Amino acid sequence: KEAGYSGIVVTEHYSPLTFTGMSRVFPQKKIDFYLSSYYEMKKYET
């Protein structure tokens, strides 16, 4: 906002490094974690 932008596309890494343990095979088990930053940032949308 300070830099004069009007919005952001959140593009987190969907990769083996993001998911740990069994979630590397079944990342859908951690999908709430993967989406958490988007929903957190969405709180500050105006």
All heavy atoms as atom14 arrays in JSON, in Angstrom:
{
  "sequence": "KEAGYSGIVVTEHYSPLTFTGMSRVFPQKKIDFYLSSYYEMKKYET",
  "atom14_mask": [
    [1, 1, 1, 1, 1, 1, 1, 1, 1, 0, 0, 0, 0, 0],
    [1, 1, 1, 1, 1, 1, 1, 1, 1, 0, 0, 0, 0, 0],
    [1, 1, 1, 1, 1, 0, 0, 0, 0, 0, 0, 0, 0, 0],
    [1, 1, 1, 1, 0, 0, 0, 0, 0, 0, 0, 0, 0, 0],
    [1, 1, 1, 1, 1, 1, 1, 1, 1, 1, 1, 1, 0, 0],
    [1, 1, 1, 1, 1, 1, 0, 0, 0, 0, 0, 0, 0, 0],
    [1, 1, 1, 1, 0, 0, 0, 0, 0, 0, 0, 0, 0, 0],
    [1, 1, 1, 1, 1, 1, 1, 1, 0, 0, 0, 0, 0, 0],
    [1, 1, 1, 1, 1, 1, 1, 0, 0, 0, 0, 0, 0, 0],
    [1, 1, 1, 1, 1, 1, 1, 0, 0, 0, 0, 0, 0, 0],
    [1, 1, 1, 1, 1, 1, 1, 0, 0, 0, 0, 0, 0, 0],
    [1, 1, 1, 1, 1, 1, 1, 1, 1, 0, 0, 0, 0, 0],
    [1, 1, 1, 1, 1, 1, 1, 1, 1, 1, 0, 0, 0, 0],
    [1, 1, 1, 1, 1, 1, 1, 1, 1, 1, 1, 1, 0, 0],
    [1, 1, 1, 1, 1, 1, 0, 0, 0, 0, 0, 0, 0, 0],
    [1, 1, 1, 1, 1, 1, 1, 0, 0, 0, 0, 0, 0, 0],
    [1, 1, 1, 1, 1, 1, 1, 1, 0, 0, 0, 0, 0, 0],
    [1, 1, 1, 1, 1, 1, 1, 0, 0, 0, 0, 0, 0, 0],
    [1, 1, 1, 1, 1, 1, 1, 1, 1, 1, 1, 0, 0, 0],
    [1, 1, 1, 1, 1, 1, 1, 0, 0, 0, 0, 0, 0, 0],
    [1, 1, 1, 1, 0, 0, 0, 0, 0, 0, 0, 0, 0, 0],
    [1, 1, 1, 1, 1, 1, 1, 1, 0, 0, 0, 0, 0, 0],
    [1, 1, 1, 1, 1, 1, 0, 0, 0, 0, 0, 0, 0, 0],
    [1, 1, 1, 1, 1, 1, 1, 1, 1, 1, 1, 0, 0, 0],
    [1, 1, 1, 1, 1, 1, 1, 0, 0, 0, 0, 0, 0, 0],
    [1, 1, 1, 1, 1, 1, 1, 1, 1, 1, 1, 0, 0, 0],
    [1, 1, 1, 1, 1, 1, 1, 0, 0, 0, 0, 0, 0, 0],
    [1, 1, 1, 1, 1, 1, 1, 1, 1, 0, 0, 0, 0, 0],
    [1, 1, 1, 1, 1, 1, 1, 1, 1, 0, 0, 0, 0, 0],
    [1, 1, 1, 1, 1, 1, 1, 1, 1, 0, 0, 0, 0, 0],
    [1, 1, 1, 1, 1, 1, 1, 1, 0, 0, 0, 0, 0, 0],
    [1, 1, 1, 1, 1, 1, 1, 1, 0, 0, 0, 0, 0, 0],
    [1, 1, 1, 1, 1, 1, 1, 1, 1, 1, 1, 0, 0, 0],
    [1, 1, 1, 1, 1, 1, 1, 1, 1, 1, 1, 1, 0, 0],
    [1, 1, 1, 1, 1, 1, 1, 1, 0, 0, 0, 0, 0, 0],
    [1, 1, 1, 1, 1, 1, 0, 0, 0, 0, 0, 0, 0, 0],
    [1, 1, 1, 1, 1, 1, 0, 0, 0, 0, 0, 0, 0, 0],
    [1, 1, 1, 1, 1, 1, 1, 1, 1, 1, 1, 1, 0, 0],
    [1, 1, 1, 1, 1, 1, 1, 1, 1, 1, 1, 1, 0, 0],
    [1, 1, 1, 1, 1, 1, 1, 1, 1, 0, 0, 0, 0, 0],
    [1, 1, 1, 1, 1, 1, 1, 1, 0, 0, 0, 0, 0, 0],
    [1, 1, 1, 1, 1, 1, 1, 1, 1, 0, 0, 0, 0, 0],
    [1, 1, 1, 1, 1, 1, 1, 1, 1, 0, 0, 0, 0, 0],
    [1, 1, 1, 1, 1, 1, 1, 1, 1, 1, 1, 1, 0, 0],
    [1, 1, 1, 1, 1, 1, 1, 1, 1, 0, 0, 0, 0, 0],
    [1, 1, 1, 1, 1, 1, 1, 0, 0, 0, 0, 0, 0, 0]
  ],
  "atom14_positions": [
    [[0.84, -1.2, 0.0], [0.0, 0.0, 0.0], [0.87, 1.25, 0.0], [0.62, 2.2, -0.74], [-0.93, -0.01, 1.22], [-2.11, -0.95, 1.1], [-3.0, -0.86, 2.33], [-4.23, -1.74, 2.2], [-5.1, -1.67, 3.41], [0.0, 0.0, 0.0], [0.0, 0.0, 0.0], [0.0, 0.0, 0.0], [0.0, 0.0, 0.0], [0.0, 0.0, 0.0]],
    [[1.93, 1.23, 0.82], [2.85, 2.36, 0.88], [3.55, 2.57, -0.46], [3.89, 3.7, -0.83], [3.89, 2.14, 1.98], [3.33, 2.21, 3.4], [4.35, 1.83, 4.45], [5.52, 1.61, 4.09], [3.97, 1.76, 5.63], [0.0, 0.0, 0.0], [0.0, 0.0, 0.0], [0.0, 0.0, 0.0], [0.0, 0.0, 0.0], [0.0, 0.0, 0.0]],
    [[3.76, 1.48, -1.19], [4.43, 1.55, -2.49], [3.47, 1.94, -3.62], [3.88, 2.02, -4.79], [5.09, 0.22, -2.81], [0.0, 0.0, 0.0], [0.0, 0.0, 0.0], [0.0, 0.0, 0.0], [0.0, 0.0, 0.0], [0.0, 0.0, 0.0], [0.0, 0.0, 0.0], [0.0, 0.0, 0.0], [0.0, 0.0, 0.0], [0.0, 0.0, 0.0]],
    [[2.21, 2.16, -3.29], [1.25, 2.62, -4.29], [0.57, 1.53, -5.09], [-0.01, 1.8, -6.15], [0.0, 0.0, 0.0], [0.0, 0.0, 0.0], [0.0, 0.0, 0.0], [0.0, 0.0, 0.0], [0.0, 0.0, 0.0], [0.0, 0.0, 0.0], [0.0, 0.0, 0.0], [0.0, 0.0, 0.0], [0.0, 0.0, 0.0], [0.0, 0.0, 0.0]],
    [[0.62, 0.29, -4.6], [-0.02, -0.83, -5.3], [-1.5, -0.92, -4.92], [-1.91, -0.48, -3.85], [0.69, -2.14, -4.98], [1.95, -2.38, -5.79], [3.03, -1.51, -5.7], [2.06, -3.47, -6.64], [4.18, -1.71, -6.43], [3.23, -3.68, -7.38], [4.28, -2.8, -7.26], [5.42, -3.03, -8.0], [0.0, 0.0, 0.0], [0.0, 0.0, 0.0]],
    [[-2.27, -1.54, -5.82], [-3.71, -1.71, -5.61], [-4.09, -3.15, -5.31], [-5.28, -3.45, -5.14], [-4.48, -1.24, -6.84], [-4.21, 0.12, -7.11], [0.0, 0.0, 0.0], [0.0, 0.0, 0.0], [0.0, 0.0, 0.0], [0.0, 0.0, 0.0], [0.0, 0.0, 0.0], [0.0, 0.0, 0.0], [0.0, 0.0, 0.0], [0.0, 0.0, 0.0]],
    [[-3.1, -4.05, -5.28], [-3.41, -5.44, -4.97], [-2.24, -6.38, -5.15], [-1.18, -5.98, -5.68], [0.0, 0.0, 0.0], [0.0, 0.0, 0.0], [0.0, 0.0, 0.0], [0.0, 0.0, 0.0], [0.0, 0.0, 0.0], [0.0, 0.0, 0.0], [0.0, 0.0, 0.0], [0.0, 0.0, 0.0], [0.0, 0.0, 0.0], [0.0, 0.0, 0.0]],
    [[-2.45, -7.61, -4.71], [-1.42, -8.65, -4.73], [-2.04, -9.98, -5.12], [-3.16, -10.31, -4.69], [-0.78, -8.81, -3.33], [0.08, -7.6, -2.96], [0.08, -10.07, -3.24], [0.67, -7.68, -1.56], [0.0, 0.0, 0.0], [0.0, 0.0, 0.0], [0.0, 0.0, 0.0], [0.0, 0.0, 0.0], [0.0, 0.0, 0.0], [0.0, 0.0, 0.0]],
    [[-1.3, -10.77, -5.89], [-1.63, -12.18, -6.09], [-0.66, -12.98, -5.21], [0.56, -12.89, -5.39], [-1.48, -12.61, -7.55], [-1.91, -14.08, -7.71], [-2.3, -11.71, -8.47], [0.0, 0.0, 0.0], [0.0, 0.0, 0.0], [0.0, 0.0, 0.0], [0.0, 0.0, 0.0], [0.0, 0.0, 0.0], [0.0, 0.0, 0.0], [0.0, 0.0, 0.0]],
    [[-1.19, -13.72, -4.25], [-0.36, -14.54, -3.36], [-0.05, -15.85, -4.1], [-0.95, -16.6, -4.48], [-1.1, -14.86, -2.05], [-0.2, -15.67, -1.12], [-1.56, -13.59, -1.37], [0.0, 0.0, 0.0], [0.0, 0.0, 0.0], [0.0, 0.0, 0.0], [0.0, 0.0, 0.0], [0.0, 0.0, 0.0], [0.0, 0.0, 0.0], [0.0, 0.0, 0.0]],
    [[1.24, -16.13, -4.3], [1.66, -17.3, -5.08], [2.65, -18.14, -4.26], [3.84, -18.22, -4.59], [2.32, -16.87, -6.4], [3.4, -15.97, -6.11], [1.33, -16.19, -7.33], [0.0, 0.0, 0.0], [0.0, 0.0, 0.0], [0.0, 0.0, 0.0], [0.0, 0.0, 0.0], [0.0, 0.0, 0.0], [0.0, 0.0, 0.0], [0.0, 0.0, 0.0]],
    [[2.17, -18.75, -3.2], [3.06, -19.56, -2.36], [3.59, -20.77, -3.14], [2.95, -21.27, -4.08], [2.31, -20.05, -1.12], [1.72, -18.95, -0.25], [2.75, -18.23, 0.61], [3.95, -18.23, 0.28], [2.32, -17.65, 1.63], [0.0, 0.0, 0.0], [0.0, 0.0, 0.0], [0.0, 0.0, 0.0], [0.0, 0.0, 0.0], [0.0, 0.0, 0.0]],
    [[4.75, -21.25, -2.69], [5.32, -22.45, -3.31], [4.47, -23.68, -3.0], [4.27, -24.02, -1.84], [6.74, -22.69, -2.78], [7.73, -21.68, -3.23], [8.14, -21.59, -4.55], [8.39, -20.7, -2.56], [9.02, -20.61, -4.65], [9.19, -20.05, -3.47], [0.0, 0.0, 0.0], [0.0, 0.0, 0.0], [0.0, 0.0, 0.0], [0.0, 0.0, 0.0]],
    [[3.98, -24.31, -4.06], [3.34, -25.63, -3.93], [4.4, -26.61, -4.43], [4.48, -26.93, -5.61], [2.07, -25.68, -4.78], [1.22, -26.92, -4.58], [0.0, -26.85, -3.91], [1.61, -28.16, -5.08], [-0.81, -27.98, -3.75], [0.82, -29.28, -4.92], [-0.39, -29.19, -4.27], [-1.17, -30.31, -4.11], [0.0, 0.0, 0.0], [0.0, 0.0, 0.0]],
    [[5.26, -27.05, -3.49], [6.42, -27.87, -3.85], [6.77, -28.78, -2.69], [6.26, -28.6, -1.57], [7.61, -26.96, -4.18], [8.1, -26.36, -3.0], [0.0, 0.0, 0.0], [0.0, 0.0, 0.0], [0.0, 0.0, 0.0], [0.0, 0.0, 0.0], [0.0, 0.0, 0.0], [0.0, 0.0, 0.0], [0.0, 0.0, 0.0], [0.0, 0.0, 0.0]],
    [[7.64, -29.76, -2.92], [8.02, -30.68, -1.83], [8.57, -29.96, -0.6], [8.37, -30.43, 0.52], [9.1, -31.56, -2.49], [8.73, -31.59, -3.93], [8.22, -30.2, -4.21], [0.0, 0.0, 0.0], [0.0, 0.0, 0.0], [0.0, 0.0, 0.0], [0.0, 0.0, 0.0], [0.0, 0.0, 0.0], [0.0, 0.0, 0.0], [0.0, 0.0, 0.0]],
    [[9.23, -28.81, -0.78], [9.78, -28.09, 0.37], [8.7, -27.51, 1.27], [8.92, -27.29, 2.45], [10.72, -26.98, -0.1], [12.06, -27.43, -0.69], [12.84, -26.22, -1.19], [12.87, -28.17, 0.36], [0.0, 0.0, 0.0], [0.0, 0.0, 0.0], [0.0, 0.0, 0.0], [0.0, 0.0, 0.0], [0.0, 0.0, 0.0], [0.0, 0.0, 0.0]],
    [[7.54, -27.23, 0.7], [6.45, -26.65, 1.48], [5.78, -27.69, 2.37], [5.31, -27.38, 3.46], [5.41, -26.01, 0.55], [6.05, -24.99, -0.21], [4.25, -25.41, 1.33], [0.0, 0.0, 0.0], [0.0, 0.0, 0.0], [0.0, 0.0, 0.0], [0.0, 0.0, 0.0], [0.0, 0.0, 0.0], [0.0, 0.0, 0.0], [0.0, 0.0, 0.0]],
    [[5.72, -28.92, 1.88], [5.04, -29.99, 2.59], [6.06, -30.93, 3.22], [7.08, -31.26, 2.61], [4.12, -30.75, 1.64], [3.1, -29.86, 0.98], [3.28, -29.4, -0.31], [1.97, -29.46, 1.67], [2.35, -28.57, -0.92], [1.03, -28.63, 1.08], [1.22, -28.18, -0.21], [0.0, 0.0, 0.0], [0.0, 0.0, 0.0], [0.0, 0.0, 0.0]],
    [[5.79, -31.37, 4.42], [6.73, -32.23, 5.14], [6.1, -33.58, 5.46], [4.87, -33.72, 5.49], [7.19, -31.56, 6.44], [6.03, -31.27, 7.25], [7.93, -30.27, 6.15], [0.0, 0.0, 0.0], [0.0, 0.0, 0.0], [0.0, 0.0, 0.0], [0.0, 0.0, 0.0], [0.0, 0.0, 0.0], [0.0, 0.0, 0.0], [0.0, 0.0, 0.0]],
    [[6.95, -34.56, 5.74], [6.45, -35.88, 6.12], [5.55, -36.49, 5.08], [5.77, -36.39, 3.88], [0.0, 0.0, 0.0], [0.0, 0.0, 0.0], [0.0, 0.0, 0.0], [0.0, 0.0, 0.0], [0.0, 0.0, 0.0], [0.0, 0.0, 0.0], [0.0, 0.0, 0.0], [0.0, 0.0, 0.0], [0.0, 0.0, 0.0], [0.0, 0.0, 0.0]],
    [[4.5, -37.15, 5.52], [3.56, -37.79, 4.61], [2.84, -36.8, 3.7], [2.32, -37.17, 2.65], [2.53, -38.6, 5.41], [3.06, -39.89, 5.98], [3.62, -41.03, 4.66], [2.04, -41.47, 3.92], [0.0, 0.0, 0.0], [0.0, 0.0, 0.0], [0.0, 0.0, 0.0], [0.0, 0.0, 0.0], [0.0, 0.0, 0.0], [0.0, 0.0, 0.0]],
    [[2.86, -35.53, 4.09], [2.18, -34.53, 3.27], [2.89, -34.27, 1.96], [2.35, -33.63, 1.07], [2.05, -33.22, 4.06], [1.16, -33.39, 5.14], [0.0, 0.0, 0.0], [0.0, 0.0, 0.0], [0.0, 0.0, 0.0], [0.0, 0.0, 0.0], [0.0, 0.0, 0.0], [0.0, 0.0, 0.0], [0.0, 0.0, 0.0], [0.0, 0.0, 0.0]],
    [[4.12, -34.77, 1.83], [4.78, -34.67, 0.53], [4.09, -35.57, -0.49], [4.14, -35.33, -1.69], [6.25, -35.06, 0.65], [7.08, -34.06, 1.43], [8.54, -34.32, 1.28], [9.32, -33.31, 1.99], [10.62, -33.11, 1.83], [11.28, -33.85, 0.96], [11.26, -32.18, 2.5], [0.0, 0.0, 0.0], [0.0, 0.0, 0.0], [0.0, 0.0, 0.0]],
    [[3.46, -36.61, 0.0], [2.72, -37.52, -0.87], [1.24, -37.13, -0.9], [0.58, -37.2, -1.93], [2.88, -38.97, -0.4], [2.09, -39.92, -1.3], [4.35, -39.36, -0.38], [0.0, 0.0, 0.0], [0.0, 0.0, 0.0], [0.0, 0.0, 0.0], [0.0, 0.0, 0.0], [0.0, 0.0, 0.0], [0.0, 0.0, 0.0], [0.0, 0.0, 0.0]],
    [[0.73, -36.69, 0.25], [-0.68, -36.32, 0.36], [-0.8, -34.86, 0.83], [-1.23, -34.59, 1.96], [-1.41, -37.24, 1.33], [-1.34, -38.68, 0.96], [-0.52, -39.56, 1.66], [-2.1, -39.18, -0.09], [-0.46, -40.91, 1.32], [-2.05, -40.52, -0.43], [-1.22, -41.38, 0.27], [0.0, 0.0, 0.0], [0.0, 0.0, 0.0], [0.0, 0.0, 0.0]],
    [[-0.4, -33.89, 0.0], [-0.42, -32.49, 0.43], [-1.82, -31.98, 0.76], [-1.97, -31.02, 1.5], [0.19, -31.74, -0.75], [-0.02, -32.64, -1.92], [0.09, -34.03, -1.37], [0.0, 0.0, 0.0], [0.0, 0.0, 0.0], [0.0, 0.0, 0.0], [0.0, 0.0, 0.0], [0.0, 0.0, 0.0], [0.0, 0.0, 0.0], [0.0, 0.0, 0.0]],
    [[-2.84, -32.65, 0.21], [-4.2, -32.21, 0.5], [-4.52, -32.29, 1.99], [-5.43, -31.61, 2.48], [-5.22, -32.99, -0.33], [-5.23, -34.5, -0.12], [-4.3, -35.23, -1.08], [-3.24, -34.73, -1.42], [-4.71, -36.42, -1.52], [0.0, 0.0, 0.0], [0.0, 0.0, 0.0], [0.0, 0.0, 0.0], [0.0, 0.0, 0.0], [0.0, 0.0, 0.0]],
    [[-3.74, -33.11, 2.72], [-3.94, -33.2, 4.17], [-3.48, -31.92, 4.87], [-3.86, -31.67, 6.02], [-3.2, -34.41, 4.74], [-3.78, -35.74, 4.29], [-3.07, -36.91, 4.93], [-3.7, -38.24, 4.51], [-3.04, -39.4, 5.15], [0.0, 0.0, 0.0], [0.0, 0.0, 0.0], [0.0, 0.0, 0.0], [0.0, 0.0, 0.0], [0.0, 0.0, 0.0]],
    [[-2.65, -31.14, 4.17], [-2.18, -29.87, 4.73], [-2.67, -28.69, 3.9], [-2.06, -27.63, 3.91], [-0.64, -29.86, 4.8], [-0.07, -30.75, 5.88], [1.44, -30.55, 6.02], [1.77, -29.15, 6.55], [3.23, -28.98, 6.75], [0.0, 0.0, 0.0], [0.0, 0.0, 0.0], [0.0, 0.0, 0.0], [0.0, 0.0, 0.0], [0.0, 0.0, 0.0]],
    [[-3.79, -28.87, 3.21], [-4.25, -27.82, 2.33], [-4.69, -26.58, 3.11], [-4.56, -25.45, 2.63], [-5.37, -28.33, 1.39], [-5.48, -27.42, 0.16], [-6.69, -28.45, 2.13], [-4.26, -27.44, -0.72], [0.0, 0.0, 0.0], [0.0, 0.0, 0.0], [0.0, 0.0, 0.0], [0.0, 0.0, 0.0], [0.0, 0.0, 0.0], [0.0, 0.0, 0.0]],
    [[-5.2, -26.78, 4.33], [-5.55, -25.61, 5.15], [-4.31, -24.78, 5.45], [-4.37, -23.54, 5.46], [-6.21, -26.05, 6.46], [-7.63, -26.52, 6.27], [-8.26, -26.1, 5.28], [-8.12, -27.3, 7.1], [0.0, 0.0, 0.0], [0.0, 0.0, 0.0], [0.0, 0.0, 0.0], [0.0, 0.0, 0.0], [0.0, 0.0, 0.0], [0.0, 0.0, 0.0]],
    [[-3.2, -25.47, 5.7], [-1.93, -24.76, 5.92], [-1.54, -24.0, 4.65], [-1.16, -22.83, 4.72], [-0.84, -25.75, 6.29], [0.56, -25.22, 6.15], [1.05, -24.29, 7.07], [1.37, -25.61, 5.11], [2.33, -23.77, 6.93], [2.66, -25.11, 4.97], [3.14, -24.18, 5.88], [0.0, 0.0, 0.0], [0.0, 0.0, 0.0], [0.0, 0.0, 0.0]],
    [[-1.62, -24.64, 3.51], [-1.21, -23.99, 2.26], [-2.04, -22.75, 1.97], [-1.51, -21.74, 1.47], [-1.31, -24.97, 1.09], [-0.81, -24.36, -0.2], [0.55, -24.2, -0.44], [-1.7, -23.9, -1.16], [1.01, -23.61, -1.6], [-1.26, -23.31, -2.33], [0.1, -23.17, -2.55], [0.55, -22.57, -3.69], [0.0, 0.0, 0.0], [0.0, 0.0, 0.0]],
    [[-3.32, -22.79, 2.3], [-4.21, -21.66, 2.02], [-4.19, -20.6, 3.11], [-4.76, -19.51, 2.93], [-5.64, -22.17, 1.85], [-5.91, -23.11, 0.67], [-7.33, -23.65, 0.76], [-5.7, -22.39, -0.65], [0.0, 0.0, 0.0], [0.0, 0.0, 0.0], [0.0, 0.0, 0.0], [0.0, 0.0, 0.0], [0.0, 0.0, 0.0], [0.0, 0.0, 0.0]],
    [[-3.53, -20.89, 4.23], [-3.63, -20.01, 5.41], [-3.13, -18.59, 5.15], [-3.72, -17.61, 5.63], [-2.88, -20.62, 6.59], [-1.48, -20.75, 6.3], [0.0, 0.0, 0.0], [0.0, 0.0, 0.0], [0.0, 0.0, 0.0], [0.0, 0.0, 0.0], [0.0, 0.0, 0.0], [0.0, 0.0, 0.0], [0.0, 0.0, 0.0], [0.0, 0.0, 0.0]],
    [[-2.05, -18.45, 4.39], [-1.51, -17.1, 4.17], [-2.43, -16.26, 3.3], [-2.57, -15.05, 3.5], [-0.12, -17.18, 3.55], [-0.17, -17.84, 2.29], [0.0, 0.0, 0.0], [0.0, 0.0, 0.0], [0.0, 0.0, 0.0], [0.0, 0.0, 0.0], [0.0, 0.0, 0.0], [0.0, 0.0, 0.0], [0.0, 0.0, 0.0], [0.0, 0.0, 0.0]],
    [[-3.07, -16.92, 2.32], [-4.03, -16.19, 1.47], [-5.18, -15.68, 2.31], [-5.56, -14.5, 2.22], [-4.53, -17.11, 0.36], [-5.79, -16.61, -0.31], [-5.77, -15.47, -1.12], [-7.0, -17.26, -0.12], [-6.92, -15.01, -1.73], [-8.16, -16.8, -0.72], [-8.12, -15.68, -1.53], [-9.27, -15.21, -2.12], [0.0, 0.0, 0.0], [0.0, 0.0, 0.0]],
    [[-5.76, -16.55, 3.15], [-6.89, -16.11, 3.97], [-6.47, -15.1, 5.01], [-7.25, -14.2, 5.37], [-7.57, -17.33, 4.61], [-8.38, -18.13, 3.6], [-8.09, -19.46, 3.34], [-9.43, -17.54, 2.9], [-8.81, -20.19, 2.41], [-10.16, -18.25, 1.96], [-9.85, -19.58, 1.73], [-10.57, -20.29, 0.79], [0.0, 0.0, 0.0], [0.0, 0.0, 0.0]],
    [[-5.23, -15.2, 5.5], [-4.74, -14.19, 6.44], [-4.59, -12.84, 5.74], [-5.03, -11.81, 6.26], [-3.38, -14.63, 7.01], [-2.75, -13.63, 7.97], [-3.52, -13.42, 9.25], [-4.35, -14.29, 9.62], [-3.33, -12.37, 9.91], [0.0, 0.0, 0.0], [0.0, 0.0, 0.0], [0.0, 0.0, 0.0], [0.0, 0.0, 0.0], [0.0, 0.0, 0.0]],
    [[-3.99, -12.83, 4.55], [-3.84, -11.58, 3.82], [-5.19, -11.0, 3.42], [-5.37, -9.78, 3.38], [-2.96, -11.77, 2.6], [-2.51, -10.46, 1.96], [-1.38, -10.65, 0.54], [0.1, -11.21, 1.36], [0.0, 0.0, 0.0], [0.0, 0.0, 0.0], [0.0, 0.0, 0.0], [0.0, 0.0, 0.0], [0.0, 0.0, 0.0], [0.0, 0.0, 0.0]],
    [[-6.13, -11.87, 3.15], [-7.48, -11.44, 2.75], [-8.15, -10.59, 3.84], [-8.99, -9.75, 3.54], [-8.31, -12.69, 2.45], [-9.54, -12.46, 1.58], [-9.18, -12.31, 0.14], [-10.45, -12.33, -0.72], [-10.22, -11.8, -2.08], [0.0, 0.0, 0.0], [0.0, 0.0, 0.0], [0.0, 0.0, 0.0], [0.0, 0.0, 0.0], [0.0, 0.0, 0.0]],
    [[-7.74, -10.78, 5.08], [-8.3, -10.01, 6.19], [-8.02, -8.52, 6.03], [-8.74, -7.68, 6.57], [-7.73, -10.48, 7.53], [-8.1, -11.89, 7.94], [-7.4, -12.24, 9.25], [-7.67, -13.66, 9.68], [-6.94, -14.01, 10.93], [0.0, 0.0, 0.0], [0.0, 0.0, 0.0], [0.0, 0.0, 0.0], [0.0, 0.0, 0.0], [0.0, 0.0, 0.0]],
    [[-6.93, -8.2, 5.33], [-6.5, -6.81, 5.21], [-6.85, -6.22, 3.85], [-6.4, -5.12, 3.5], [-4.99, -6.74, 5.47], [-4.63, -7.45, 6.74], [-3.98, -8.69, 6.7], [-5.0, -6.95, 7.98], [-3.69, -9.38, 7.87], [-4.71, -7.64, 9.15], [-4.05, -8.86, 9.09], [-3.78, -9.54, 10.25], [0.0, 0.0, 0.0], [0.0, 0.0, 0.0]],
    [[-7.67, -6.93, 3.1], [-8.17, -6.43, 1.83], [-9.13, -5.28, 2.09], [-9.9, -5.29, 3.06], [-8.88, -7.55, 1.08], [-9.34, -7.2, -0.32], [-9.95, -8.39, -1.03], [-10.86, -9.01, -0.44], [-9.53, -8.71, -2.14], [0.0, 0.0, 0.0], [0.0, 0.0, 0.0], [0.0, 0.0, 0.0], [0.0, 0.0, 0.0], [0.0, 0.0, 0.0]],
    [[-9.08, -4.27, 1.24], [-9.98, -3.12, 1.34], [-10.58, -2.83, -0.03], [-10.23, -3.48, -1.02], [-9.24, -1.87, 1.83], [-8.27, -1.48, 0.84], [-8.52, -2.13, 3.16], [0.0, 0.0, 0.0], [0.0, 0.0, 0.0], [0.0, 0.0, 0.0], [0.0, 0.0, 0.0], [0.0, 0.0, 0.0], [0.0, 0.0, 0.0], [0.0, 0.0, 0.0]]
  ]
}
